[in-house]
Amino acid sequence: MERRVPGGRREIAGAVLTLSTMGGYSVSHDGADVGYLHASVGDQFNLYRRTADGTGDWLGKYRLEDGVRAILSACDQTGRAEQGGEGGRDAA
């Protein structure tokens, strides 16, 4: 069963979430595209931290707000410079 996320732009913990073309959210912070997430089962989301090569590191399953914080934390631990600050990708 497919589950859709609510549309529109959201802001959580200083990060901006925008609805992606694949039905998830792209997560940006300070103008950098830092991660993405998509709905899983119940109130859980699969989370990914963006990598410089355009793929994502899977971070696990979290509730939405906790997940956004986990993405931001993972980016802080590895350094945002790795993200390259490129926008426009929509892998979610």
N, C-alpha and C. Protein backbone atom coordinates (compact mmCIF):
# COMPACT_ATOMS: atom_id res chain seq x y z
N MET A 1 0.83 -1.17 0.00
CA MET A 1 0.00 0.00 0.00
C MET A 1 0.88 1.24 0.00
N GLU A 2 0.63 2.12 -0.94
CA GLU A 2 1.42 3.34 -1.07
C GLU A 2 0.83 4.43 -0.18
N ARG A 3 1.70 5.16 0.48
CA ARG A 3 1.25 6.25 1.34
C ARG A 3 1.89 7.54 0.86
N ARG A 4 1.09 8.57 0.68
CA ARG A 4 1.57 9.87 0.22
C ARG A 4 1.84 10.78 1.42
N VAL A 5 2.77 11.69 1.23
CA VAL A 5 3.06 12.68 2.26
C VAL A 5 2.25 13.93 1.95
N PRO A 6 1.90 14.71 2.98
CA PRO A 6 1.15 15.95 2.74
C PRO A 6 1.96 16.91 1.88
N GLY A 7 1.28 17.61 0.99
CA GLY A 7 1.95 18.53 0.08
C GLY A 7 2.34 19.83 0.74
N GLY A 8 3.01 20.65 -0.02
CA GLY A 8 3.39 21.97 0.46
C GLY A 8 4.79 22.02 1.03
N ARG A 9 5.18 23.22 1.35
CA ARG A 9 6.51 23.46 1.92
C ARG A 9 6.39 23.46 3.44
N ARG A 10 7.30 22.80 4.11
CA ARG A 10 7.30 22.74 5.57
C ARG A 10 8.66 23.14 6.08
N GLU A 11 8.69 23.59 7.33
CA GLU A 11 9.96 23.91 7.98
C GLU A 11 10.00 23.20 9.31
N ILE A 12 11.07 22.43 9.54
CA ILE A 12 11.26 21.69 10.78
C ILE A 12 12.71 21.85 11.20
N ALA A 13 12.94 22.27 12.43
CA ALA A 13 14.28 22.38 13.02
C ALA A 13 15.22 23.22 12.16
N GLY A 14 14.69 24.23 11.49
CA GLY A 14 15.51 25.10 10.66
C GLY A 14 15.75 24.58 9.26
N ALA A 15 15.26 23.39 8.95
CA ALA A 15 15.40 22.81 7.62
C ALA A 15 14.10 23.04 6.84
N VAL A 16 14.22 23.19 5.54
CA VAL A 16 13.06 23.38 4.68
C VAL A 16 12.79 22.07 3.95
N LEU A 17 11.54 21.61 4.05
CA LEU A 17 11.11 20.40 3.36
C LEU A 17 10.21 20.80 2.21
N THR A 18 10.53 20.32 1.02
CA THR A 18 9.69 20.58 -0.14
C THR A 18 9.28 19.24 -0.73
N LEU A 19 8.06 19.18 -1.21
CA LEU A 19 7.54 17.96 -1.79
C LEU A 19 8.33 17.62 -3.04
N SER A 20 8.79 16.39 -3.12
CA SER A 20 9.56 15.97 -4.28
C SER A 20 8.63 15.38 -5.35
N THR A 21 9.17 15.21 -6.52
CA THR A 21 8.38 14.63 -7.61
C THR A 21 8.11 13.16 -7.40
N MET A 22 8.83 12.52 -6.51
CA MET A 22 8.65 11.09 -6.25
C MET A 22 7.76 10.83 -5.03
N GLY A 23 7.16 11.87 -4.48
CA GLY A 23 6.22 11.68 -3.39
C GLY A 23 6.83 11.69 -2.00
N GLY A 24 8.04 12.13 -1.88
CA GLY A 24 8.69 12.27 -0.57
C GLY A 24 9.00 13.74 -0.33
N TYR A 25 9.97 13.99 0.51
CA TYR A 25 10.41 15.36 0.78
C TYR A 25 11.90 15.47 0.50
N SER A 26 12.29 16.59 -0.09
CA SER A 26 13.69 16.97 -0.18
C SER A 26 13.95 17.89 1.01
N VAL A 27 15.10 17.73 1.64
CA VAL A 27 15.44 18.50 2.84
C VAL A 27 16.63 19.40 2.53
N SER A 28 16.44 20.70 2.77
CA SER A 28 17.55 21.63 2.57
C SER A 28 17.75 22.46 3.84
N HIS A 29 19.00 22.88 4.03
CA HIS A 29 19.35 23.68 5.20
C HIS A 29 20.41 24.68 4.79
N ASP A 30 20.18 25.93 5.09
CA ASP A 30 21.10 27.00 4.71
C ASP A 30 21.42 26.97 3.22
N GLY A 31 20.43 26.67 2.40
CA GLY A 31 20.59 26.66 0.95
C GLY A 31 21.22 25.41 0.37
N ALA A 32 21.62 24.48 1.21
CA ALA A 32 22.24 23.24 0.72
C ALA A 32 21.21 22.11 0.76
N ASP A 33 21.21 21.29 -0.27
CA ASP A 33 20.34 20.13 -0.35
C ASP A 33 21.01 19.01 0.44
N VAL A 34 20.50 18.74 1.67
CA VAL A 34 21.22 17.85 2.59
C VAL A 34 20.64 16.45 2.72
N GLY A 35 19.41 16.23 2.28
CA GLY A 35 18.85 14.91 2.43
C GLY A 35 17.48 14.79 1.81
N TYR A 36 16.92 13.62 1.94
CA TYR A 36 15.56 13.39 1.46
C TYR A 36 14.96 12.26 2.27
N LEU A 37 13.65 12.17 2.22
CA LEU A 37 12.94 11.12 2.94
C LEU A 37 11.67 10.76 2.20
N HIS A 38 11.21 9.54 2.44
CA HIS A 38 9.95 9.12 1.86
C HIS A 38 9.20 8.27 2.86
N ALA A 39 7.89 8.24 2.70
CA ALA A 39 7.01 7.57 3.65
C ALA A 39 7.29 6.07 3.69
N SER A 40 7.16 5.52 4.87
CA SER A 40 7.29 4.09 5.08
C SER A 40 5.96 3.60 5.66
N VAL A 41 6.01 2.83 6.70
CA VAL A 41 4.81 2.27 7.32
C VAL A 41 4.41 3.13 8.52
N GLY A 42 3.12 3.37 8.67
CA GLY A 42 2.63 4.15 9.80
C GLY A 42 3.15 5.57 9.74
N ASP A 43 3.70 6.04 10.85
CA ASP A 43 4.22 7.41 10.89
C ASP A 43 5.73 7.45 10.64
N GLN A 44 6.29 6.40 10.07
CA GLN A 44 7.73 6.30 9.84
C GLN A 44 8.11 6.75 8.44
N PHE A 45 9.33 7.29 8.31
CA PHE A 45 9.89 7.70 7.04
C PHE A 45 11.27 7.09 6.89
N ASN A 46 11.63 6.69 5.68
CA ASN A 46 12.99 6.27 5.36
C ASN A 46 13.79 7.53 5.10
N LEU A 47 14.95 7.64 5.74
CA LEU A 47 15.77 8.85 5.65
C LEU A 47 17.07 8.58 4.93
N TYR A 48 17.51 9.59 4.18
CA TYR A 48 18.77 9.51 3.46
C TYR A 48 19.50 10.84 3.57
N ARG A 49 20.79 10.77 3.83
CA ARG A 49 21.66 11.95 3.79
C ARG A 49 22.25 12.00 2.40
N ARG A 50 22.17 13.14 1.77
CA ARG A 50 22.73 13.28 0.41
C ARG A 50 24.25 13.16 0.47
N THR A 51 24.80 12.59 -0.57
CA THR A 51 26.25 12.48 -0.70
C THR A 51 26.69 13.26 -1.93
N ALA A 52 27.97 13.54 -2.02
CA ALA A 52 28.51 14.35 -3.10
C ALA A 52 28.25 13.73 -4.47
N ASP A 53 28.18 12.40 -4.54
CA ASP A 53 27.98 11.75 -5.85
C ASP A 53 26.51 11.65 -6.25
N GLY A 54 25.62 12.24 -5.46
CA GLY A 54 24.20 12.27 -5.82
C GLY A 54 23.38 11.12 -5.28
N THR A 55 24.02 10.17 -4.66
CA THR A 55 23.29 9.08 -4.03
C THR A 55 22.96 9.49 -2.60
N GLY A 56 22.48 8.59 -1.82
CA GLY A 56 22.20 8.92 -0.43
C GLY A 56 22.61 7.81 0.50
N ASP A 57 23.01 8.19 1.69
CA ASP A 57 23.31 7.22 2.75
C ASP A 57 22.02 7.01 3.55
N TRP A 58 21.55 5.78 3.60
CA TRP A 58 20.34 5.47 4.36
C TRP A 58 20.63 5.62 5.85
N LEU A 59 19.78 6.36 6.54
CA LEU A 59 19.99 6.63 7.97
C LEU A 59 19.04 5.85 8.86
N GLY A 60 18.03 5.24 8.29
CA GLY A 60 17.08 4.47 9.09
C GLY A 60 15.66 4.97 8.91
N LYS A 61 14.79 4.52 9.81
CA LYS A 61 13.38 4.91 9.80
C LYS A 61 13.08 5.71 11.05
N TYR A 62 12.45 6.86 10.86
CA TYR A 62 12.13 7.77 11.95
C TYR A 62 10.78 8.42 11.71
N ARG A 63 10.21 8.97 12.77
CA ARG A 63 9.08 9.88 12.61
C ARG A 63 9.61 11.14 11.94
N LEU A 64 8.73 11.91 11.31
CA LEU A 64 9.16 13.03 10.47
C LEU A 64 10.08 14.01 11.18
N GLU A 65 9.66 14.58 12.29
CA GLU A 65 10.48 15.59 12.97
C GLU A 65 11.79 15.02 13.46
N ASP A 66 11.76 13.83 14.03
CA ASP A 66 13.00 13.18 14.49
C ASP A 66 13.91 12.88 13.30
N GLY A 67 13.31 12.52 12.19
CA GLY A 67 14.07 12.21 10.99
C GLY A 67 14.81 13.40 10.42
N VAL A 68 14.15 14.54 10.39
CA VAL A 68 14.80 15.75 9.89
C VAL A 68 15.99 16.09 10.79
N ARG A 69 15.80 15.98 12.08
CA ARG A 69 16.92 16.23 13.01
C ARG A 69 18.06 15.23 12.80
N ALA A 70 17.72 13.97 12.50
CA ALA A 70 18.75 12.96 12.24
C ALA A 70 19.53 13.28 10.98
N ILE A 71 18.85 13.76 9.94
CA ILE A 71 19.55 14.16 8.72
C ILE A 71 20.50 15.31 9.01
N LEU A 72 20.02 16.33 9.72
CA LEU A 72 20.87 17.48 10.04
C LEU A 72 22.06 17.06 10.89
N SER A 73 21.83 16.17 11.84
CA SER A 73 22.92 15.68 12.69
C SER A 73 23.95 14.91 11.88
N ALA A 74 23.49 14.06 10.97
CA ALA A 74 24.41 13.28 10.13
C ALA A 74 25.25 14.21 9.25
N CYS A 75 24.64 15.27 8.76
CA CYS A 75 25.38 16.22 7.93
C CYS A 75 26.40 16.97 8.75
N ASP A 76 26.05 17.35 9.97
CA ASP A 76 27.00 18.04 10.85
C ASP A 76 28.18 17.15 11.19
N GLN A 77 27.94 15.86 11.36
CA GLN A 77 29.01 14.93 11.73
C GLN A 77 29.97 14.68 10.58
N THR A 78 29.47 14.70 9.35
CA THR A 78 30.34 14.41 8.21
C THR A 78 30.82 15.67 7.52
N GLY A 79 30.24 16.80 7.87
CA GLY A 79 30.65 18.06 7.25
C GLY A 79 29.77 18.39 6.07
N ARG A 80 29.21 19.56 6.09
CA ARG A 80 28.31 19.97 5.01
C ARG A 80 29.07 20.20 3.70
N ALA A 81 30.38 20.41 3.78
CA ALA A 81 31.14 20.64 2.56
C ALA A 81 31.03 19.46 1.61
N GLU A 82 30.87 18.27 2.16
CA GLU A 82 30.73 17.08 1.33
C GLU A 82 29.48 17.17 0.46
N GLN A 83 28.48 17.91 0.93
CA GLN A 83 27.23 18.03 0.19
C GLN A 83 27.40 18.86 -1.08
N GLY A 84 28.37 19.74 -1.09
CA GLY A 84 28.62 20.54 -2.28
C GLY A 84 27.67 21.71 -2.46
N GLY A 85 26.62 21.78 -1.66
CA GLY A 85 25.68 22.88 -1.76
C GLY A 85 24.85 22.89 -3.04
N GLU A 86 24.86 21.80 -3.79
CA GLU A 86 24.12 21.76 -5.03
C GLU A 86 22.65 21.51 -4.76
N GLY A 87 21.82 22.24 -5.42
CA GLY A 87 20.39 22.00 -5.32
C GLY A 87 19.90 21.39 -6.62
N GLY A 88 18.60 21.18 -6.68
CA GLY A 88 18.02 20.74 -7.92
C GLY A 88 17.90 19.23 -8.09
N ARG A 89 18.59 18.47 -7.31
CA ARG A 89 18.43 17.03 -7.40
C ARG A 89 17.16 16.63 -6.69
N ASP A 90 16.51 15.60 -7.18
CA ASP A 90 15.24 15.19 -6.58
C ASP A 90 15.15 13.68 -6.58
N ALA A 91 15.92 13.05 -5.73
CA ALA A 91 15.96 11.59 -5.70
C ALA A 91 14.91 10.99 -4.81
N ALA A 92 14.21 11.80 -4.04
CA ALA A 92 13.22 11.26 -3.11
C ALA A 92 12.02 10.70 -3.83
